[in-house]
Every structure is written in structure tokens, then in C-alpha cells.
Amino acid sequence: MTQPMPRKLKNGRDERATNIARAVGTALKEARTFAKLSQTALAEKIGVSRQLYCDIEAGRVSPRVDQVDAIATVCGVSPTTIVRRSVDLINV
């Protein structure tokens, strides 16, 4: 039995990709709030615009690996923590 094709959303991403992006965004938001940083402050520290960072947290944009690493470093957590938390959120 084959898996059904994922449903494409307006922006061209399928549901699974959207759910993953949202989970990563939530994990990054949790790390940022743990570090007591505003979106603006974190965006400045990693060298991206506030709007881009907001889009990442909202799951509208998937962050690059180097961005996840930079965010984790600024927040004082490991990138592995971000990934594990994202997986936990996906599997809820």
C-alpha cells in the first residue's frame, strides 16, 4: 500500500513540511523566551531582519541549519535541543 500524496498548500508546501516548519518555529520561540530575548534582539544578534525571524517562528519560513545553530548559541542551548523539541512537537 502506498502513502497518499501530501496535500499542497497555497505556498506550495505540503502539510507535513508546514507542520515541521511550525514545530521548528515553536521550538525556536521556546528557546528565545527561555533566554529572555525579544524577537528584535535575537534577530539583531543573528544578523537577520525582525520580519524574517518572525516568519521563522510562525512557520512561514524554514530556517537554514546555520540559522538554527546561531539561534541556539545565542539562546544558550544546543542545536540538538532545538531539533529534539521540534521532533517532540511534530509527534504530539
PDB file of N, CA and C in Angstrom:
ATOM      1  N   MET A   1       0.840  -1.179   0.000  1.00  0.00           N
ATOM      2  CA  MET A   1       0.000   0.000   0.000  1.00  0.00           C
ATOM      3  C   MET A   1       0.886   1.244   0.000  1.00  0.00           C
ATOM      4  N   THR A   2       0.633   2.145  -0.900  1.00  0.00           N
ATOM      5  CA  THR A   2       1.435   3.361  -0.995  1.00  0.00           C
ATOM      6  C   THR A   2       0.838   4.461  -0.133  1.00  0.00           C
ATOM      7  N   GLN A   3       1.706   5.375   0.263  1.00  0.00           N
ATOM      8  CA  GLN A   3       1.269   6.521   1.054  1.00  0.00           C
ATOM      9  C   GLN A   3       0.540   7.512   0.159  1.00  0.00           C
ATOM     10  N   PRO A   4      -0.522   8.142   0.654  1.00  0.00           N
ATOM     11  CA  PRO A   4      -1.177   9.166  -0.155  1.00  0.00           C
ATOM     12  C   PRO A   4      -0.255  10.362  -0.331  1.00  0.00           C
ATOM     13  N   MET A   5      -0.381  11.030  -1.438  1.00  0.00           N
ATOM     14  CA  MET A   5       0.406  12.234  -1.679  1.00  0.00           C
ATOM     15  C   MET A   5      -0.026  13.317  -0.698  1.00  0.00           C
ATOM     16  N   PRO A   6       0.949  14.050  -0.130  1.00  0.00           N
ATOM     17  CA  PRO A   6       0.587  15.128   0.778  1.00  0.00           C
ATOM     18  C   PRO A   6      -0.179  16.219   0.032  1.00  0.00           C
ATOM     19  N   ARG A   7      -1.094  16.822   0.734  1.00  0.00           N
ATOM     20  CA  ARG A   7      -1.886  17.901   0.154  1.00  0.00           C
ATOM     21  C   ARG A   7      -1.027  19.149   0.052  1.00  0.00           C
ATOM     22  N   LYS A   8      -1.014  19.778  -1.118  1.00  0.00           N
ATOM     23  CA  LYS A   8      -0.248  21.010  -1.317  1.00  0.00           C
ATOM     24  C   LYS A   8      -1.035  22.205  -0.775  1.00  0.00           C
ATOM     25  N   LEU A   9      -0.344  23.075  -0.115  1.00  0.00           N
ATOM     26  CA  LEU A   9      -0.955  24.283   0.414  1.00  0.00           C
ATOM     27  C   LEU A   9      -0.700  25.440  -0.543  1.00  0.00           C
ATOM     28  N   LYS A  10      -1.289  26.586  -0.250  1.00  0.00           N
ATOM     29  CA  LYS A  10      -1.184  27.753  -1.130  1.00  0.00           C
ATOM     30  C   LYS A  10       0.254  28.125  -1.470  1.00  0.00           C
ATOM     31  N   ASN A  11       1.133  28.063  -0.495  1.00  0.00           N
ATOM     32  CA  ASN A  11       2.508  28.497  -0.731  1.00  0.00           C
ATOM     33  C   ASN A  11       3.360  27.423  -1.391  1.00  0.00           C
ATOM     34  N   GLY A  12       2.749  26.307  -1.791  1.00  0.00           N
ATOM     35  CA  GLY A  12       3.481  25.254  -2.488  1.00  0.00           C
ATOM     36  C   GLY A  12       4.031  24.169  -1.579  1.00  0.00           C
ATOM     37  N   ARG A  13       4.014  24.389  -0.267  1.00  0.00           N
ATOM     38  CA  ARG A  13       4.500  23.360   0.657  1.00  0.00           C
ATOM     39  C   ARG A  13       3.375  22.396   0.972  1.00  0.00           C
ATOM     40  N   ASP A  14       3.724  21.157   1.241  1.00  0.00           N
ATOM     41  CA  ASP A  14       2.706  20.204   1.637  1.00  0.00           C
ATOM     42  C   ASP A  14       2.461  20.313   3.149  1.00  0.00           C
ATOM     43  N   GLU A  15       1.436  19.630   3.624  1.00  0.00           N
ATOM     44  CA  GLU A  15       1.064  19.728   5.033  1.00  0.00           C
ATOM     45  C   GLU A  15       2.187  19.305   5.966  1.00  0.00           C
ATOM     46  N   ARG A  16       2.872  18.234   5.633  1.00  0.00           N
ATOM     47  CA  ARG A  16       3.950  17.750   6.505  1.00  0.00           C
ATOM     48  C   ARG A  16       5.060  18.793   6.624  1.00  0.00           C
ATOM     49  N   ALA A  17       5.467  19.370   5.509  1.00  0.00           N
ATOM     50  CA  ALA A  17       6.511  20.399   5.547  1.00  0.00           C
ATOM     51  C   ALA A  17       6.058  21.597   6.374  1.00  0.00           C
ATOM     52  N   THR A  18       4.795  21.954   6.255  1.00  0.00           N
ATOM     53  CA  THR A  18       4.258  23.068   7.037  1.00  0.00           C
ATOM     54  C   THR A  18       4.260  22.738   8.524  1.00  0.00           C
ATOM     55  N   ASN A  19       3.865  21.518   8.871  1.00  0.00           N
ATOM     56  CA  ASN A  19       3.864  21.109  10.275  1.00  0.00           C
ATOM     57  C   ASN A  19       5.275  21.094  10.857  1.00  0.00           C
ATOM     58  N   ILE A  20       6.239  20.672  10.062  1.00  0.00           N
ATOM     59  CA  ILE A  20       7.631  20.661  10.516  1.00  0.00           C
ATOM     60  C   ILE A  20       8.110  22.097  10.738  1.00  0.00           C
ATOM     61  N   ALA A  21       7.830  22.978   9.800  1.00  0.00           N
ATOM     62  CA  ALA A  21       8.249  24.385   9.933  1.00  0.00           C
ATOM     63  C   ALA A  21       7.622  25.029  11.166  1.00  0.00           C
ATOM     64  N   ARG A  22       6.361  24.717  11.422  1.00  0.00           N
ATOM     65  CA  ARG A  22       5.696  25.269  12.618  1.00  0.00           C
ATOM     66  C   ARG A  22       6.320  24.726  13.897  1.00  0.00           C
ATOM     67  N   ALA A  23       6.643  23.429  13.910  1.00  0.00           N
ATOM     68  CA  ALA A  23       7.255  22.826  15.097  1.00  0.00           C
ATOM     69  C   ALA A  23       8.632  23.438  15.363  1.00  0.00           C
ATOM     70  N   VAL A  24       9.422  23.620  14.314  1.00  0.00           N
ATOM     71  CA  VAL A  24      10.739  24.243  14.468  1.00  0.00           C
ATOM     72  C   VAL A  24      10.570  25.673  14.981  1.00  0.00           C
ATOM     73  N   GLY A  25       9.613  26.395  14.419  1.00  0.00           N
ATOM     74  CA  GLY A  25       9.354  27.765  14.870  1.00  0.00           C
ATOM     75  C   GLY A  25       8.973  27.832  16.333  1.00  0.00           C
ATOM     76  N   THR A  26       8.143  26.902  16.763  1.00  0.00           N
ATOM     77  CA  THR A  26       7.732  26.854  18.169  1.00  0.00           C
ATOM     78  C   THR A  26       8.924  26.543  19.065  1.00  0.00           C
ATOM     79  N   ALA A  27       9.759  25.588  18.654  1.00  0.00           N
ATOM     80  CA  ALA A  27      10.942  25.236  19.444  1.00  0.00           C
ATOM     81  C   ALA A  27      11.896  26.430  19.545  1.00  0.00           C
ATOM     82  N   LEU A  28      12.048  27.166  18.459  1.00  0.00           N
ATOM     83  CA  LEU A  28      12.912  28.345  18.483  1.00  0.00           C
ATOM     84  C   LEU A  28      12.327  29.437  19.379  1.00  0.00           C
ATOM     85  N   LYS A  29      11.027  29.598  19.339  1.00  0.00           N
ATOM     86  CA  LYS A  29      10.372  30.586  20.206  1.00  0.00           C
ATOM     87  C   LYS A  29      10.577  30.220  21.676  1.00  0.00           C
ATOM     88  N   GLU A  30      10.439  28.934  21.987  1.00  0.00           N
ATOM     89  CA  GLU A  30      10.658  28.494  23.370  1.00  0.00           C
ATOM     90  C   GLU A  30      12.087  28.791  23.821  1.00  0.00           C
ATOM     91  N   ALA A  31      13.052  28.544  22.943  1.00  0.00           N
ATOM     92  CA  ALA A  31      14.450  28.833  23.274  1.00  0.00           C
ATOM     93  C   ALA A  31      14.655  30.336  23.485  1.00  0.00           C
ATOM     94  N   ARG A  32      14.037  31.134  22.612  1.00  0.00           N
ATOM     95  CA  ARG A  32      14.175  32.590  22.727  1.00  0.00           C
ATOM     96  C   ARG A  32      13.566  33.108  24.022  1.00  0.00           C
ATOM     97  N   THR A  33      12.388  32.609  24.376  1.00  0.00           N
ATOM     98  CA  THR A  33      11.752  33.075  25.619  1.00  0.00           C
ATOM     99  C   THR A  33      12.515  32.575  26.840  1.00  0.00           C
ATOM    100  N   PHE A  34      13.104  31.375  26.746  1.00  0.00           N
ATOM    101  CA  PHE A  34      13.959  30.858  27.817  1.00  0.00           C
ATOM    102  C   PHE A  34      15.135  31.812  28.053  1.00  0.00           C
ATOM    103  N   ALA A  35      15.677  32.340  26.964  1.00  0.00           N
ATOM    104  CA  ALA A  35      16.813  33.264  27.046  1.00  0.00           C
ATOM    105  C   ALA A  35      16.381  34.696  27.361  1.00  0.00           C
ATOM    106  N   LYS A  36      15.064  34.908  27.460  1.00  0.00           N
ATOM    107  CA  LYS A  36      14.505  36.229  27.783  1.00  0.00           C
ATOM    108  C   LYS A  36      14.924  37.289  26.764  1.00  0.00           C
ATOM    109  N   LEU A  37      14.822  36.924  25.493  1.00  0.00           N
ATOM    110  CA  LEU A  37      15.146  37.850  24.409  1.00  0.00           C
ATOM    111  C   LEU A  37      13.897  38.181  23.615  1.00  0.00           C
ATOM    112  N   SER A  38      13.831  39.406  23.130  1.00  0.00           N
ATOM    113  CA  SER A  38      12.741  39.770  22.222  1.00  0.00           C
ATOM    114  C   SER A  38      13.085  39.257  20.825  1.00  0.00           C
ATOM    115  N   GLN A  39      12.084  39.205  19.969  1.00  0.00           N
ATOM    116  CA  GLN A  39      12.332  38.812  18.578  1.00  0.00           C
ATOM    117  C   GLN A  39      13.325  39.773  17.933  1.00  0.00           C
ATOM    118  N   THR A  40      13.165  41.046  18.200  1.00  0.00           N
ATOM    119  CA  THR A  40      14.048  42.058  17.626  1.00  0.00           C
ATOM    120  C   THR A  40      15.490  41.851  18.071  1.00  0.00           C
ATOM    121  N   ALA A  41      15.687  41.635  19.378  1.00  0.00           N
ATOM    122  CA  ALA A  41      17.040  41.450  19.902  1.00  0.00           C
ATOM    123  C   ALA A  41      17.693  40.209  19.316  1.00  0.00           C
ATOM    124  N   LEU A  42      16.943  39.117  19.232  1.00  0.00           N
ATOM    125  CA  LEU A  42      17.515  37.887  18.686  1.00  0.00           C
ATOM    126  C   LEU A  42      17.839  38.044  17.203  1.00  0.00           C
ATOM    127  N   ALA A  43      16.929  38.663  16.472  1.00  0.00           N
ATOM    128  CA  ALA A  43      17.167  38.891  15.041  1.00  0.00           C
ATOM    129  C   ALA A  43      18.444  39.696  14.829  1.00  0.00           C
ATOM    130  N   GLU A  44      18.641  40.729  15.621  1.00  0.00           N
ATOM    131  CA  GLU A  44      19.859  41.547  15.503  1.00  0.00           C
ATOM    132  C   GLU A  44      21.105  40.726  15.796  1.00  0.00           C
ATOM    133  N   LYS A  45      21.040  39.882  16.822  1.00  0.00           N
ATOM    134  CA  LYS A  45      22.207  39.089  17.219  1.00  0.00           C
ATOM    135  C   LYS A  45      22.606  38.054  16.169  1.00  0.00           C
ATOM    136  N   ILE A  46      21.626  37.550  15.403  1.00  0.00           N
ATOM    137  CA  ILE A  46      21.967  36.545  14.384  1.00  0.00           C
ATOM    138  C   ILE A  46      22.065  37.146  12.986  1.00  0.00           C
ATOM    139  N   GLY A  47      21.816  38.454  12.870  1.00  0.00           N
ATOM    140  CA  GLY A  47      22.029  39.143  11.604  1.00  0.00           C
ATOM    141  C   GLY A  47      20.931  38.960  10.564  1.00  0.00           C
ATOM    142  N   VAL A  48      19.678  38.845  11.035  1.00  0.00           N
ATOM    143  CA  VAL A  48      18.549  38.784  10.101  1.00  0.00           C
ATOM    144  C   VAL A  48      17.549  39.870  10.483  1.00  0.00           C
ATOM    145  N   SER A  49      16.628  40.150   9.587  1.00  0.00           N
ATOM    146  CA  SER A  49      15.608  41.152   9.907  1.00  0.00           C
ATOM    147  C   SER A  49      14.619  40.592  10.933  1.00  0.00           C
ATOM    148  N   ARG A  50      13.984  41.488  11.642  1.00  0.00           N
ATOM    149  CA  ARG A  50      12.959  41.077  12.599  1.00  0.00           C
ATOM    150  C   ARG A  50      11.844  40.347  11.869  1.00  0.00           C
ATOM    151  N   GLN A  51      11.469  40.845  10.687  1.00  0.00           N
ATOM    152  CA  GLN A  51      10.380  40.214   9.922  1.00  0.00           C
ATOM    153  C   GLN A  51      10.731  38.775   9.543  1.00  0.00           C
ATOM    154  N   LEU A  52      11.965  38.551   9.096  1.00  0.00           N
ATOM    155  CA  LEU A  52      12.374  37.186   8.753  1.00  0.00           C
ATOM    156  C   LEU A  52      12.305  36.300   9.985  1.00  0.00           C
ATOM    157  N   TYR A  53      12.807  36.807  11.114  1.00  0.00           N
ATOM    158  CA  TYR A  53      12.770  35.993  12.328  1.00  0.00           C
ATOM    159  C   TYR A  53      11.326  35.696  12.735  1.00  0.00           C
ATOM    160  N   CYS A  54      10.448  36.672  12.640  1.00  0.00           N
ATOM    161  CA  CYS A  54       9.027  36.445  12.954  1.00  0.00           C
ATOM    162  C   CYS A  54       8.430  35.373  12.042  1.00  0.00           C
ATOM    163  N   ASP A  55       8.788  35.424  10.767  1.00  0.00           N
ATOM    164  CA  ASP A  55       8.303  34.424   9.810  1.00  0.00           C
ATOM    165  C   ASP A  55       8.822  33.028  10.150  1.00  0.00           C
ATOM    166  N   ILE A  56      10.053  32.932  10.633  1.00  0.00           N
ATOM    167  CA  ILE A  56      10.606  31.642  11.044  1.00  0.00           C
ATOM    168  C   ILE A  56       9.821  31.097  12.237  1.00  0.00           C
ATOM    169  N   GLU A  57       9.619  31.929  13.262  1.00  0.00           N
ATOM    170  CA  GLU A  57       8.877  31.475  14.438  1.00  0.00           C
ATOM    171  C   GLU A  57       7.448  31.077  14.092  1.00  0.00           C
ATOM    172  N   ALA A  58       6.851  31.757  13.129  1.00  0.00           N
ATOM    173  CA  ALA A  58       5.462  31.461  12.736  1.00  0.00           C
ATOM    174  C   ALA A  58       5.363  30.244  11.816  1.00  0.00           C
ATOM    175  N   GLY A  59       6.505  29.754  11.363  1.00  0.00           N
ATOM    176  CA  GLY A  59       6.492  28.592  10.474  1.00  0.00           C
ATOM    177  C   GLY A  59       6.228  28.924   9.025  1.00  0.00           C
ATOM    178  N   ARG A  60       6.286  30.206   8.685  1.00  0.00           N
ATOM    179  CA  ARG A  60       6.087  30.607   7.289  1.00  0.00           C
ATOM    180  C   ARG A  60       7.351  30.426   6.462  1.00  0.00           C
ATOM    181  N   VAL A  61       8.493  30.424   7.158  1.00  0.00           N
ATOM    182  CA  VAL A  61       9.798  30.264   6.513  1.00  0.00           C
ATOM    183  C   VAL A  61      10.578  29.218   7.308  1.00  0.00           C
ATOM    184  N   SER A  62      11.220  28.300   6.605  1.00  0.00           N
ATOM    185  CA  SER A  62      12.071  27.306   7.269  1.00  0.00           C
ATOM    186  C   SER A  62      13.473  27.883   7.428  1.00  0.00           C
ATOM    187  N   PRO A  63      14.006  27.825   8.640  1.00  0.00           N
ATOM    188  CA  PRO A  63      15.343  28.375   8.841  1.00  0.00           C
ATOM    189  C   PRO A  63      16.418  27.474   8.243  1.00  0.00           C
ATOM    190  N   ARG A  64      17.533  28.075   7.858  1.00  0.00           N
ATOM    191  CA  ARG A  64      18.690  27.301   7.412  1.00  0.00           C
ATOM    192  C   ARG A  64      19.359  26.687   8.644  1.00  0.00           C
ATOM    193  N   VAL A  65      20.137  25.670   8.424  1.00  0.00           N
ATOM    194  CA  VAL A  65      20.825  24.989   9.527  1.00  0.00           C
ATOM    195  C   VAL A  65      21.730  25.962  10.287  1.00  0.00           C
ATOM    196  N   ASP A  66      22.445  26.816   9.564  1.00  0.00           N
ATOM    197  CA  ASP A  66      23.328  27.766  10.243  1.00  0.00           C
ATOM    198  C   ASP A  66      22.535  28.765  11.085  1.00  0.00           C
ATOM    199  N   GLN A  67      21.314  29.084  10.661  1.00  0.00           N
ATOM    200  CA  GLN A  67      20.471  29.984  11.453  1.00  0.00           C
ATOM    201  C   GLN A  67      20.001  29.300  12.733  1.00  0.00           C
ATOM    202  N   VAL A  68      19.628  28.031  12.641  1.00  0.00           N
ATOM    203  CA  VAL A  68      19.229  27.284  13.846  1.00  0.00           C
ATOM    204  C   VAL A  68      20.407  27.230  14.819  1.00  0.00           C
ATOM    205  N   ASP A  69      21.596  26.971  14.295  1.00  0.00           N
ATOM    206  CA  ASP A  69      22.789  26.918  15.136  1.00  0.00           C
ATOM    207  C   ASP A  69      23.046  28.266  15.809  1.00  0.00           C
ATOM    208  N   ALA A  70      22.921  29.347  15.059  1.00  0.00           N
ATOM    209  CA  ALA A  70      23.147  30.682  15.621  1.00  0.00           C
ATOM    210  C   ALA A  70      22.116  31.020  16.689  1.00  0.00           C
ATOM    211  N   ILE A  71      20.854  30.697  16.423  1.00  0.00           N
ATOM    212  CA  ILE A  71      19.798  30.966  17.398  1.00  0.00           C
ATOM    213  C   ILE A  71      20.047  30.171  18.672  1.00  0.00           C
ATOM    214  N   ALA A  72      20.374  28.897  18.518  1.00  0.00           N
ATOM    215  CA  ALA A  72      20.645  28.054  19.688  1.00  0.00           C
ATOM    216  C   ALA A  72      21.800  28.625  20.507  1.00  0.00           C
ATOM    217  N   THR A  73      22.865  29.030  19.831  1.00  0.00           N
ATOM    218  CA  THR A  73      24.032  29.578  20.518  1.00  0.00           C
ATOM    219  C   THR A  73      23.661  30.841  21.291  1.00  0.00           C
ATOM    220  N   VAL A  74      22.954  31.750  20.655  1.00  0.00           N
ATOM    221  CA  VAL A  74      22.555  33.000  21.306  1.00  0.00           C
ATOM    222  C   VAL A  74      21.653  32.724  22.508  1.00  0.00           C
ATOM    223  N   CYS A  75      20.807  31.705  22.401  1.00  0.00           N
ATOM    224  CA  CYS A  75      19.860  31.379  23.474  1.00  0.00           C
ATOM    225  C   CYS A  75      20.474  30.506  24.567  1.00  0.00           C
ATOM    226  N   GLY A  76      21.689  30.025  24.342  1.00  0.00           N
ATOM    227  CA  GLY A  76      22.358  29.224  25.357  1.00  0.00           C
ATOM    228  C   GLY A  76      21.888  27.782  25.424  1.00  0.00           C
ATOM    229  N   VAL A  77      21.400  27.267  24.306  1.00  0.00           N
ATOM    230  CA  VAL A  77      21.003  25.861  24.233  1.00  0.00           C
ATOM    231  C   VAL A  77      21.736  25.224  23.054  1.00  0.00           C
ATOM    232  N   SER A  78      21.705  23.906  22.992  1.00  0.00           N
ATOM    233  CA  SER A  78      22.366  23.246  21.869  1.00  0.00           C
ATOM    234  C   SER A  78      21.399  23.119  20.697  1.00  0.00           C
ATOM    235  N   PRO A  79      21.924  23.072  19.485  1.00  0.00           N
ATOM    236  CA  PRO A  79      21.051  22.846  18.333  1.00  0.00           C
ATOM    237  C   PRO A  79      20.293  21.521  18.453  1.00  0.00           C
ATOM    238  N   THR A  80      20.924  20.538  19.102  1.00  0.00           N
ATOM    239  CA  THR A  80      20.266  19.254  19.316  1.00  0.00           C
ATOM    240  C   THR A  80      19.001  19.423  20.147  1.00  0.00           C
ATOM    241  N   THR A  81      19.038  20.307  21.115  1.00  0.00           N
ATOM    242  CA  THR A  81      17.859  20.584  21.933  1.00  0.00           C
ATOM    243  C   THR A  81      16.727  21.121  21.072  1.00  0.00           C
ATOM    244  N   ILE A  82      17.051  22.007  20.155  1.00  0.00           N
ATOM    245  CA  ILE A  82      16.044  22.574  19.251  1.00  0.00           C
ATOM    246  C   ILE A  82      15.448  21.467  18.382  1.00  0.00           C
ATOM    247  N   VAL A  83      16.307  20.630  17.825  1.00  0.00           N
ATOM    248  CA  VAL A  83      15.833  19.556  16.948  1.00  0.00           C
ATOM    249  C   VAL A  83      14.972  18.567  17.722  1.00  0.00           C
ATOM    250  N   ARG A  84      15.424  18.161  18.889  1.00  0.00           N
ATOM    251  CA  ARG A  84      14.641  17.208  19.695  1.00  0.00           C
ATOM    252  C   ARG A  84      13.287  17.776  20.082  1.00  0.00           C
ATOM    253  N   ARG A  85      13.264  19.035  20.472  1.00  0.00           N
ATOM    254  CA  ARG A  85      11.991  19.665  20.835  1.00  0.00           C
ATOM    255  C   ARG A  85      11.074  19.738  19.621  1.00  0.00           C
ATOM    256  N   SER A  86      11.629  20.031  18.469  1.00  0.00           N
ATOM    257  CA  SER A  86      10.839  20.083  17.230  1.00  0.00           C
ATOM    258  C   SER A  86      10.216  18.723  16.945  1.00  0.00           C
ATOM    259  N   VAL A  87      11.010  17.667  17.081  1.00  0.00           N
ATOM    260  CA  VAL A  87      10.502  16.305  16.851  1.00  0.00           C
ATOM    261  C   VAL A  87       9.390  15.989  17.841  1.00  0.00           C
ATOM    262  N   ASP A  88       9.588  16.357  19.103  1.00  0.00           N
ATOM    263  CA  ASP A  88       8.541  16.125  20.106  1.00  0.00           C
ATOM    264  C   ASP A  88       7.245  16.817  19.717  1.00  0.00           C
ATOM    265  N   LEU A  89       7.346  18.047  19.227  1.00  0.00           N
ATOM    266  CA  LEU A  89       6.156  18.806  18.825  1.00  0.00           C
ATOM    267  C   LEU A  89       5.477  18.201  17.595  1.00  0.00           C
ATOM    268  N   ILE A  90       6.255  17.662  16.681  1.00  0.00           N
ATOM    269  CA  ILE A  90       5.689  17.028  15.488  1.00  0.00           C
ATOM    270  C   ILE A  90       4.926  15.770  15.874  1.00  0.00           C
ATOM    271  N   ASN A  91       5.447  15.042  16.855  1.00  0.00           N
ATOM    272  CA  ASN A  91       4.867  13.755  17.241  1.00  0.00           C
ATOM    273  C   ASN A  91       3.751  13.845  18.263  1.00  0.00           C
ATOM    274  N   VAL A  92       3.302  15.035  18.560  1.00  0.00           N
ATOM    275  CA  VAL A  92       2.212  15.202  19.535  1.00  0.00           C
ATOM    276  C   VAL A  92       0.911  14.720  18.961  1.00  0.00           C
TER     277      VAL A  92
END
